[in-house]
Amino acid sequence: MSHLFSDTALIFGRYLRQALDSKVGVVFGLLQPMFYLIFFGPLLRDVPLGGEGDSWQTLVPGLLIQLGLFSAAFAGFGILLEKQVGVIERMRVTPVSRLALLLGRALKDVVLLLVQSLLLVLVAVALGLRAPVLGVVVGFLFVGLLTISLASLSYALAMRVDGPQGFAPVISTVNMPAMLLSGILLPMALAPGWLDAVSRCVPFRYLVDAVRAAYVGDFGWDTVGVGALVGLALCAVSMTVGTRVFRKAGA
């Protein structure tokens, strides 16, 4: 276990330094949800959204999940580049834990996404968002959980495909319906019955609902509790899949 912690810290530090050296990537990863916040948020102020809280308490939690959904899902591009330059081949002969190779990368993504989430919330507060501090913290926890889950799956996929041509189409095909069916921009309470039923098969919906509930001070079992269970289950499955792929690949 001590080796796992030290190996994870080593991998985490390596990739975090690389990410911080590329500040442009961190900034551009935040642009899309920031555009939605600034240009789309004001349009919802007087629109009945069918849920608790005002428009900002509805939109901002969705944008936080969107940030994790898109940024973490494309995290595997880094591995594709490493495979091209031989970094993965060199790592295969090291004694570093394969779980640490995955966990260190995923934790780096968590730190970056939490920084971006904090900036997004601060801008939202300036625009009119009001939410309990505990609710905001709960939202960050869900972002972290989602990031570990999707980053693990993204890294696993990147290890299995030969290049960007096989990676990007899969991520894009999965991400778009996942975003629409999760109620990220508008609550699924506005959807017709059949669409609402379909959306209940998408785990990200429960995370969005949980964060929205936390932003209005509702920390009940049927909202935050269910979202936490779904998020933990998704994280466990994703980490298991990711670790197995890394071990089989000998990465």
C-alpha atoms as a PDB file:
ATOM      1  CA  MET A   1       0.000   0.000   0.000  1.00  0.00           C
ATOM      2  CA  SER A   2       2.844   2.400   0.777  1.00  0.00           C
ATOM      3  CA  HIS A   3       4.293   1.719  -2.666  1.00  0.00           C
ATOM      4  CA  LEU A   4       0.909   2.490  -4.219  1.00  0.00           C
ATOM      5  CA  PHE A   5       0.742   5.853  -2.447  1.00  0.00           C
ATOM      6  CA  SER A   6       4.306   6.801  -3.345  1.00  0.00           C
ATOM      7  CA  ASP A   7       3.907   5.670  -6.954  1.00  0.00           C
ATOM      8  CA  THR A   8       0.619   7.557  -7.273  1.00  0.00           C
ATOM      9  CA  ALA A   9       2.190  10.712  -5.832  1.00  0.00           C
ATOM     10  CA  LEU A  10       5.091  10.379  -8.285  1.00  0.00           C
ATOM     11  CA  ILE A  11       2.814  10.012 -11.319  1.00  0.00           C
ATOM     12  CA  PHE A  12       0.471  12.721 -10.063  1.00  0.00           C
ATOM     13  CA  GLY A  13       3.323  15.200  -9.614  1.00  0.00           C
ATOM     14  CA  ARG A  14       4.762  14.455 -13.043  1.00  0.00           C
ATOM     15  CA  TYR A  15       1.539  15.032 -14.921  1.00  0.00           C
ATOM     16  CA  LEU A  16       0.435  17.974 -12.812  1.00  0.00           C
ATOM     17  CA  ARG A  17       3.666  19.788 -13.623  1.00  0.00           C
ATOM     18  CA  GLN A  18       3.113  19.077 -17.293  1.00  0.00           C
ATOM     19  CA  ALA A  19      -0.432  20.436 -17.105  1.00  0.00           C
ATOM     20  CA  LEU A  20       0.611  23.582 -15.280  1.00  0.00           C
ATOM     21  CA  ASP A  21       3.264  24.221 -17.919  1.00  0.00           C
ATOM     22  CA  SER A  22       0.437  24.321 -20.467  1.00  0.00           C
ATOM     23  CA  LYS A  23      -1.703  27.069 -18.973  1.00  0.00           C
ATOM     24  CA  VAL A  24      -3.428  27.632 -22.313  1.00  0.00           C
ATOM     25  CA  GLY A  25      -5.036  24.208 -22.121  1.00  0.00           C
ATOM     26  CA  VAL A  26      -6.405  24.905 -18.640  1.00  0.00           C
ATOM     27  CA  VAL A  27      -7.911  28.212 -19.783  1.00  0.00           C
ATOM     28  CA  PHE A  28      -9.438  26.876 -23.001  1.00  0.00           C
ATOM     29  CA  GLY A  29     -10.973  23.933 -21.149  1.00  0.00           C
ATOM     30  CA  LEU A  30     -13.038  26.431 -19.181  1.00  0.00           C
ATOM     31  CA  LEU A  31     -14.197  28.530 -22.130  1.00  0.00           C
ATOM     32  CA  GLN A  32     -17.216  26.520 -23.283  1.00  0.00           C
ATOM     33  CA  PRO A  33     -19.046  26.369 -19.919  1.00  0.00           C
ATOM     34  CA  MET A  34     -18.053  29.995 -19.295  1.00  0.00           C
ATOM     35  CA  PHE A  35     -19.671  31.019 -22.588  1.00  0.00           C
ATOM     36  CA  TYR A  36     -22.848  29.172 -21.604  1.00  0.00           C
ATOM     37  CA  LEU A  37     -22.782  30.907 -18.230  1.00  0.00           C
ATOM     38  CA  ILE A  38     -22.305  34.424 -19.573  1.00  0.00           C
ATOM     39  CA  PHE A  39     -24.319  34.293 -22.802  1.00  0.00           C
ATOM     40  CA  PHE A  40     -26.993  31.690 -22.016  1.00  0.00           C
ATOM     41  CA  GLY A  41     -27.538  32.197 -18.280  1.00  0.00           C
ATOM     42  CA  PRO A  42     -29.124  35.668 -18.492  1.00  0.00           C
ATOM     43  CA  LEU A  43     -31.724  34.332 -20.961  1.00  0.00           C
ATOM     44  CA  LEU A  44     -33.114  32.008 -18.278  1.00  0.00           C
ATOM     45  CA  ARG A  45     -33.721  34.583 -15.555  1.00  0.00           C
ATOM     46  CA  ASP A  46     -37.462  34.924 -16.161  1.00  0.00           C
ATOM     47  CA  VAL A  47     -38.082  31.449 -17.599  1.00  0.00           C
ATOM     48  CA  PRO A  48     -39.957  28.918 -15.389  1.00  0.00           C
ATOM     49  CA  LEU A  49     -37.660  25.893 -15.250  1.00  0.00           C
ATOM     50  CA  GLY A  50     -39.896  23.553 -13.302  1.00  0.00           C
ATOM     51  CA  GLY A  51     -37.591  23.052 -10.331  1.00  0.00           C
ATOM     52  CA  GLU A  52     -36.504  24.594  -7.066  1.00  0.00           C
ATOM     53  CA  GLY A  53     -34.255  27.615  -7.000  1.00  0.00           C
ATOM     54  CA  ASP A  54     -33.637  30.334  -9.534  1.00  0.00           C
ATOM     55  CA  SER A  55     -32.090  30.069 -12.983  1.00  0.00           C
ATOM     56  CA  TRP A  56     -28.507  30.332 -11.704  1.00  0.00           C
ATOM     57  CA  GLN A  57     -29.072  27.528  -9.195  1.00  0.00           C
ATOM     58  CA  THR A  58     -30.303  25.435 -12.109  1.00  0.00           C
ATOM     59  CA  LEU A  59     -27.715  26.328 -14.743  1.00  0.00           C
ATOM     60  CA  VAL A  60     -24.478  26.443 -12.734  1.00  0.00           C
ATOM     61  CA  PRO A  61     -24.709  22.871 -11.336  1.00  0.00           C
ATOM     62  CA  GLY A  62     -25.345  21.625 -14.864  1.00  0.00           C
ATOM     63  CA  LEU A  63     -22.338  23.506 -16.186  1.00  0.00           C
ATOM     64  CA  LEU A  64     -20.140  22.007 -13.471  1.00  0.00           C
ATOM     65  CA  ILE A  65     -21.125  18.509 -14.573  1.00  0.00           C
ATOM     66  CA  GLN A  66     -20.666  19.526 -18.205  1.00  0.00           C
ATOM     67  CA  LEU A  67     -17.156  20.720 -17.387  1.00  0.00           C
ATOM     68  CA  GLY A  68     -16.307  17.344 -15.878  1.00  0.00           C
ATOM     69  CA  LEU A  69     -18.111  15.437 -18.623  1.00  0.00           C
ATOM     70  CA  PHE A  70     -16.239  16.994 -21.525  1.00  0.00           C
ATOM     71  CA  SER A  71     -12.827  17.700 -20.011  1.00  0.00           C
ATOM     72  CA  ALA A  72     -12.386  14.326 -18.300  1.00  0.00           C
ATOM     73  CA  ALA A  73     -13.784  12.372 -21.245  1.00  0.00           C
ATOM     74  CA  PHE A  74     -11.064  13.724 -23.523  1.00  0.00           C
ATOM     75  CA  ALA A  75      -8.260  13.196 -20.983  1.00  0.00           C
ATOM     76  CA  GLY A  76      -7.098  10.113 -22.872  1.00  0.00           C
ATOM     77  CA  PHE A  77      -5.662  12.245 -25.677  1.00  0.00           C
ATOM     78  CA  GLY A  78      -2.550  12.606 -23.532  1.00  0.00           C
ATOM     79  CA  ILE A  79      -1.953   8.857 -23.630  1.00  0.00           C
ATOM     80  CA  LEU A  80      -2.359   8.827 -27.407  1.00  0.00           C
ATOM     81  CA  LEU A  81       0.465  11.352 -27.673  1.00  0.00           C
ATOM     82  CA  GLU A  82       2.621   9.371 -25.239  1.00  0.00           C
ATOM     83  CA  LYS A  83       2.125   6.206 -27.280  1.00  0.00           C
ATOM     84  CA  GLN A  84       3.380   8.010 -30.380  1.00  0.00           C
ATOM     85  CA  VAL A  85       6.599   9.212 -28.752  1.00  0.00           C
ATOM     86  CA  GLY A  86       7.336   6.002 -26.851  1.00  0.00           C
ATOM     87  CA  VAL A  87       6.575   7.111 -23.289  1.00  0.00           C
ATOM     88  CA  ILE A  88       4.132   4.241 -22.737  1.00  0.00           C
ATOM     89  CA  GLU A  89       6.710   1.720 -23.975  1.00  0.00           C
ATOM     90  CA  ARG A  90       9.238   2.985 -21.449  1.00  0.00           C
ATOM     91  CA  MET A  91       6.693   2.866 -18.622  1.00  0.00           C
ATOM     92  CA  ARG A  92       5.964  -0.785 -19.384  1.00  0.00           C
ATOM     93  CA  VAL A  93       9.391  -1.808 -18.073  1.00  0.00           C
ATOM     94  CA  THR A  94       9.136   0.158 -14.825  1.00  0.00           C
ATOM     95  CA  PRO A  95       8.058  -1.454 -11.515  1.00  0.00           C
ATOM     96  CA  VAL A  96       5.491   1.284 -10.885  1.00  0.00           C
ATOM     97  CA  SER A  97       2.035   0.033  -9.874  1.00  0.00           C
ATOM     98  CA  ARG A  98      -0.376  -0.057 -12.820  1.00  0.00           C
ATOM     99  CA  LEU A  99      -3.127   1.279 -10.578  1.00  0.00           C
ATOM    100  CA  ALA A 100      -0.845   4.192  -9.663  1.00  0.00           C
ATOM    101  CA  LEU A 101      -0.275   4.946 -13.350  1.00  0.00           C
ATOM    102  CA  LEU A 102      -4.014   5.343 -13.760  1.00  0.00           C
ATOM    103  CA  LEU A 103      -4.795   6.963 -10.401  1.00  0.00           C
ATOM    104  CA  GLY A 104      -1.994   9.527 -10.630  1.00  0.00           C
ATOM    105  CA  ARG A 105      -3.236  10.701 -14.007  1.00  0.00           C
ATOM    106  CA  ALA A 106      -6.868  10.820 -12.868  1.00  0.00           C
ATOM    107  CA  LEU A 107      -6.056  12.779  -9.703  1.00  0.00           C
ATOM    108  CA  LYS A 108      -4.223  15.343 -11.819  1.00  0.00           C
ATOM    109  CA  ASP A 109      -7.404  15.769 -13.831  1.00  0.00           C
ATOM    110  CA  VAL A 110      -9.408  16.166 -10.622  1.00  0.00           C
ATOM    111  CA  VAL A 111      -7.190  19.007  -9.400  1.00  0.00           C
ATOM    112  CA  LEU A 112      -7.399  20.859 -12.709  1.00  0.00           C
ATOM    113  CA  LEU A 113     -11.180  20.416 -12.945  1.00  0.00           C
ATOM    114  CA  LEU A 114     -11.679  21.639  -9.371  1.00  0.00           C
ATOM    115  CA  VAL A 115      -9.664  24.781 -10.113  1.00  0.00           C
ATOM    116  CA  GLN A 116     -11.742  25.393 -13.230  1.00  0.00           C
ATOM    117  CA  SER A 117     -14.944  24.697 -11.276  1.00  0.00           C
ATOM    118  CA  LEU A 118     -13.968  27.220  -8.624  1.00  0.00           C
ATOM    119  CA  LEU A 119     -13.381  29.891 -11.269  1.00  0.00           C
ATOM    120  CA  LEU A 120     -16.727  29.079 -12.884  1.00  0.00           C
ATOM    121  CA  VAL A 121     -18.569  29.417  -9.570  1.00  0.00           C
ATOM    122  CA  LEU A 122     -16.836  32.707  -8.748  1.00  0.00           C
ATOM    123  CA  VAL A 123     -17.931  34.184 -12.075  1.00  0.00           C
ATOM    124  CA  ALA A 124     -21.446  32.843 -11.482  1.00  0.00           C
ATOM    125  CA  VAL A 125     -21.547  34.530  -8.063  1.00  0.00           C
ATOM    126  CA  ALA A 126     -20.592  37.801  -9.721  1.00  0.00           C
ATOM    127  CA  LEU A 127     -23.493  37.315 -12.154  1.00  0.00           C
ATOM    128  CA  GLY A 128     -26.034  36.622  -9.418  1.00  0.00           C
ATOM    129  CA  LEU A 129     -25.654  33.051  -8.157  1.00  0.00           C
ATOM    130  CA  ARG A 130     -26.517  32.551  -4.489  1.00  0.00           C
ATOM    131  CA  ALA A 131     -26.043  29.116  -2.957  1.00  0.00           C
ATOM    132  CA  PRO A 132     -25.138  27.683   0.470  1.00  0.00           C
ATOM    133  CA  VAL A 133     -21.414  27.126   0.975  1.00  0.00           C
ATOM    134  CA  LEU A 134     -22.004  23.478   1.837  1.00  0.00           C
ATOM    135  CA  GLY A 135     -23.957  23.062  -1.396  1.00  0.00           C
ATOM    136  CA  VAL A 136     -21.058  24.480  -3.407  1.00  0.00           C
ATOM    137  CA  VAL A 137     -18.628  22.122  -1.652  1.00  0.00           C
ATOM    138  CA  VAL A 138     -20.914  19.169  -2.389  1.00  0.00           C
ATOM    139  CA  GLY A 139     -20.941  20.249  -6.029  1.00  0.00           C
ATOM    140  CA  PHE A 140     -17.140  20.194  -6.116  1.00  0.00           C
ATOM    141  CA  LEU A 141     -17.137  16.688  -4.615  1.00  0.00           C
ATOM    142  CA  PHE A 142     -19.431  15.459  -7.350  1.00  0.00           C
ATOM    143  CA  VAL A 143     -17.215  17.061  -9.996  1.00  0.00           C
ATOM    144  CA  GLY A 144     -14.220  15.238  -8.523  1.00  0.00           C
ATOM    145  CA  LEU A 145     -16.090  11.920  -8.492  1.00  0.00           C
ATOM    146  CA  LEU A 146     -17.225  12.346 -12.078  1.00  0.00           C
ATOM    147  CA  THR A 147     -13.736  13.348 -13.198  1.00  0.00           C
ATOM    148  CA  ILE A 148     -12.092  10.234 -11.730  1.00  0.00           C
ATOM    149  CA  SER A 149     -14.743   8.053 -13.353  1.00  0.00           C
ATOM    150  CA  LEU A 150     -14.636   9.516 -16.851  1.00  0.00           C
ATOM    151  CA  ALA A 151     -10.882  10.081 -16.905  1.00  0.00           C
ATOM    152  CA  SER A 152     -10.332   6.421 -16.016  1.00  0.00           C
ATOM    153  CA  LEU A 153     -12.583   5.280 -18.862  1.00  0.00           C
ATOM    154  CA  SER A 154     -10.964   7.763 -21.226  1.00  0.00           C
ATOM    155  CA  TYR A 155      -7.463   6.521 -20.405  1.00  0.00           C
ATOM    156  CA  ALA A 156      -8.634   2.921 -20.797  1.00  0.00           C
ATOM    157  CA  LEU A 157     -10.096   3.674 -24.226  1.00  0.00           C
ATOM    158  CA  ALA A 158      -6.933   5.491 -25.279  1.00  0.00           C
ATOM    159  CA  MET A 159      -4.875   2.430 -24.349  1.00  0.00           C
ATOM    160  CA  ARG A 160      -7.037   0.218 -26.569  1.00  0.00           C
ATOM    161  CA  VAL A 161      -7.275   2.325 -29.741  1.00  0.00           C
ATOM    162  CA  ASP A 162      -4.504   2.983 -32.239  1.00  0.00           C
ATOM    163  CA  GLY A 163      -4.881   6.743 -32.590  1.00  0.00           C
ATOM    164  CA  PRO A 164      -7.114   9.817 -32.464  1.00  0.00           C
ATOM    165  CA  GLN A 165      -9.154   8.494 -35.385  1.00  0.00           C
ATOM    166  CA  GLY A 166     -10.516   5.745 -33.192  1.00  0.00           C
ATOM    167  CA  PHE A 167     -10.706   7.795 -29.996  1.00  0.00           C
ATOM    168  CA  ALA A 168     -12.428  11.076 -30.809  1.00  0.00           C
ATOM    169  CA  PRO A 169     -15.489   9.646 -32.609  1.00  0.00           C
ATOM    170  CA  VAL A 170     -16.286   7.338 -29.699  1.00  0.00           C
ATOM    171  CA  ILE A 171     -16.053  10.125 -27.116  1.00  0.00           C
ATOM    172  CA  SER A 172     -18.074  12.569 -29.212  1.00  0.00           C
ATOM    173  CA  THR A 173     -20.775  10.000 -29.958  1.00  0.00           C
ATOM    174  CA  VAL A 174     -21.209   9.157 -26.283  1.00  0.00           C
ATOM    175  CA  ASN A 175     -20.839  12.673 -24.872  1.00  0.00           C
ATOM    176  CA  MET A 176     -23.495  14.479 -26.876  1.00  0.00           C
ATOM    177  CA  PRO A 177     -26.506  12.294 -25.991  1.00  0.00           C
ATOM    178  CA  ALA A 178     -25.192  11.998 -22.435  1.00  0.00           C
ATOM    179  CA  MET A 179     -25.187  15.792 -22.112  1.00  0.00           C
ATOM    180  CA  LEU A 180     -28.661  16.186 -23.612  1.00  0.00           C
ATOM    181  CA  LEU A 181     -30.220  13.391 -21.548  1.00  0.00           C
ATOM    182  CA  SER A 182     -28.619  14.502 -18.292  1.00  0.00           C
ATOM    183  CA  GLY A 183     -30.524  17.782 -18.189  1.00  0.00           C
ATOM    184  CA  ILE A 184     -27.302  19.746 -17.978  1.00  0.00           C
ATOM    185  CA  LEU A 185     -28.644  22.939 -19.545  1.00  0.00           C
ATOM    186  CA  LEU A 186     -32.332  22.547 -18.726  1.00  0.00           C
ATOM    187  CA  PRO A 187     -33.974  20.274 -16.124  1.00  0.00           C
ATOM    188  CA  MET A 188     -35.510  17.052 -17.403  1.00  0.00           C
ATOM    189  CA  ALA A 189     -38.686  18.100 -15.573  1.00  0.00           C
ATOM    190  CA  LEU A 190     -39.419  20.087 -18.741  1.00  0.00           C
ATOM    191  CA  ALA A 191     -39.148  16.993 -20.940  1.00  0.00           C
ATOM    192  CA  PRO A 192     -42.054  14.857 -22.152  1.00  0.00           C
ATOM    193  CA  GLY A 193     -42.655  11.636 -20.243  1.00  0.00           C
ATOM    194  CA  TRP A 194     -40.860   9.304 -22.653  1.00  0.00           C
ATOM    195  CA  LEU A 195     -37.744  11.491 -22.752  1.00  0.00           C
ATOM    196  CA  ASP A 196     -37.718  11.817 -18.978  1.00  0.00           C
ATOM    197  CA  ALA A 197     -37.902   8.015 -18.706  1.00  0.00           C
ATOM    198  CA  VAL A 198     -35.005   7.541 -21.127  1.00  0.00           C
ATOM    199  CA  SER A 199     -32.891  10.074 -19.230  1.00  0.00           C
ATOM    200  CA  ARG A 200     -33.212   8.001 -16.053  1.00  0.00           C
ATOM    201  CA  CYS A 201     -30.978   5.419 -17.698  1.00  0.00           C
ATOM    202  CA  VAL A 202     -28.142   7.970 -17.864  1.00  0.00           C
ATOM    203  CA  PRO A 203     -26.132   8.070 -14.600  1.00  0.00           C
ATOM    204  CA  PHE A 204     -25.029  11.673 -15.106  1.00  0.00           C
ATOM    205  CA  ARG A 205     -28.617  12.842 -14.651  1.00  0.00           C
ATOM    206  CA  TYR A 206     -28.523  11.803 -10.993  1.00  0.00           C
ATOM    207  CA  LEU A 207     -25.319  13.763 -10.451  1.00  0.00           C
ATOM    208  CA  VAL A 208     -26.849  16.867 -12.019  1.00  0.00           C
ATOM    209  CA  ASP A 209     -30.000  16.512  -9.902  1.00  0.00           C
ATOM    210  CA  ALA A 210     -27.912  16.030  -6.760  1.00  0.00           C
ATOM    211  CA  VAL A 211     -25.810  19.142  -7.314  1.00  0.00           C
ATOM    212  CA  ARG A 212     -28.895  21.220  -8.121  1.00  0.00           C
ATOM    213  CA  ALA A 213     -30.530  20.039  -4.921  1.00  0.00           C
ATOM    214  CA  ALA A 214     -27.414  20.907  -2.920  1.00  0.00           C
ATOM    215  CA  TYR A 215     -27.373  24.403  -4.438  1.00  0.00           C
ATOM    216  CA  VAL A 216     -30.822  25.086  -2.952  1.00  0.00           C
ATOM    217  CA  GLY A 217     -29.910  23.573   0.427  1.00  0.00           C
ATOM    218  CA  ASP A 218     -31.608  20.191  -0.095  1.00  0.00           C
ATOM    219  CA  PHE A 219     -29.272  17.443   1.111  1.00  0.00           C
ATOM    220  CA  GLY A 220     -31.869  14.685   1.289  1.00  0.00           C
ATOM    221  CA  TRP A 221     -31.355  11.008   0.549  1.00  0.00           C
ATOM    222  CA  ASP A 222     -33.564  11.050  -2.557  1.00  0.00           C
ATOM    223  CA  THR A 223     -31.384  13.693  -4.208  1.00  0.00           C
ATOM    224  CA  VAL A 224     -27.826  13.995  -2.905  1.00  0.00           C
ATOM    225  CA  GLY A 225     -27.859  10.490  -1.444  1.00  0.00           C
ATOM    226  CA  VAL A 226     -28.942   8.823  -4.676  1.00  0.00           C
ATOM    227  CA  GLY A 227     -26.498  10.933  -6.657  1.00  0.00           C
ATOM    228  CA  ALA A 228     -23.653   9.915  -4.338  1.00  0.00           C
ATOM    229  CA  LEU A 229     -24.494   6.226  -4.698  1.00  0.00           C
ATOM    230  CA  VAL A 230     -24.641   6.473  -8.481  1.00  0.00           C
ATOM    231  CA  GLY A 231     -21.401   8.455  -8.573  1.00  0.00           C
ATOM    232  CA  LEU A 232     -19.554   6.018  -6.315  1.00  0.00           C
ATOM    233  CA  ALA A 233     -20.802   3.037  -8.315  1.00  0.00           C
ATOM    234  CA  LEU A 234     -19.714   4.680 -11.569  1.00  0.00           C
ATOM    235  CA  CYS A 235     -16.319   5.488 -10.063  1.00  0.00           C
ATOM    236  CA  ALA A 236     -15.810   1.909  -8.823  1.00  0.00           C
ATOM    237  CA  VAL A 237     -16.705   0.402 -12.196  1.00  0.00           C
ATOM    238  CA  SER A 238     -14.573   2.907 -14.112  1.00  0.00           C
ATOM    239  CA  MET A 239     -11.516   2.415 -11.917  1.00  0.00           C
ATOM    240  CA  THR A 240     -11.860  -1.357 -12.184  1.00  0.00           C
ATOM    241  CA  VAL A 241     -12.107  -1.239 -15.971  1.00  0.00           C
ATOM    242  CA  GLY A 242      -9.250   1.242 -16.243  1.00  0.00           C
ATOM    243  CA  THR A 243      -6.939  -0.747 -13.979  1.00  0.00           C
ATOM    244  CA  ARG A 244      -7.597  -3.994 -15.861  1.00  0.00           C
ATOM    245  CA  VAL A 245      -6.867  -2.358 -19.198  1.00  0.00           C
ATOM    246  CA  PHE A 246      -3.612  -0.882 -17.883  1.00  0.00           C
ATOM    247  CA  ARG A 247      -2.541  -4.223 -16.450  1.00  0.00           C
ATOM    248  CA  LYS A 248      -3.334  -6.131 -19.637  1.00  0.00           C
ATOM    249  CA  ALA A 249      -1.497  -3.545 -21.705  1.00  0.00           C
ATOM    250  CA  GLY A 250       1.459  -3.713 -19.319  1.00  0.00           C
ATOM    251  CA  ALA A 251       1.521   0.069 -19.313  1.00  0.00           C
END
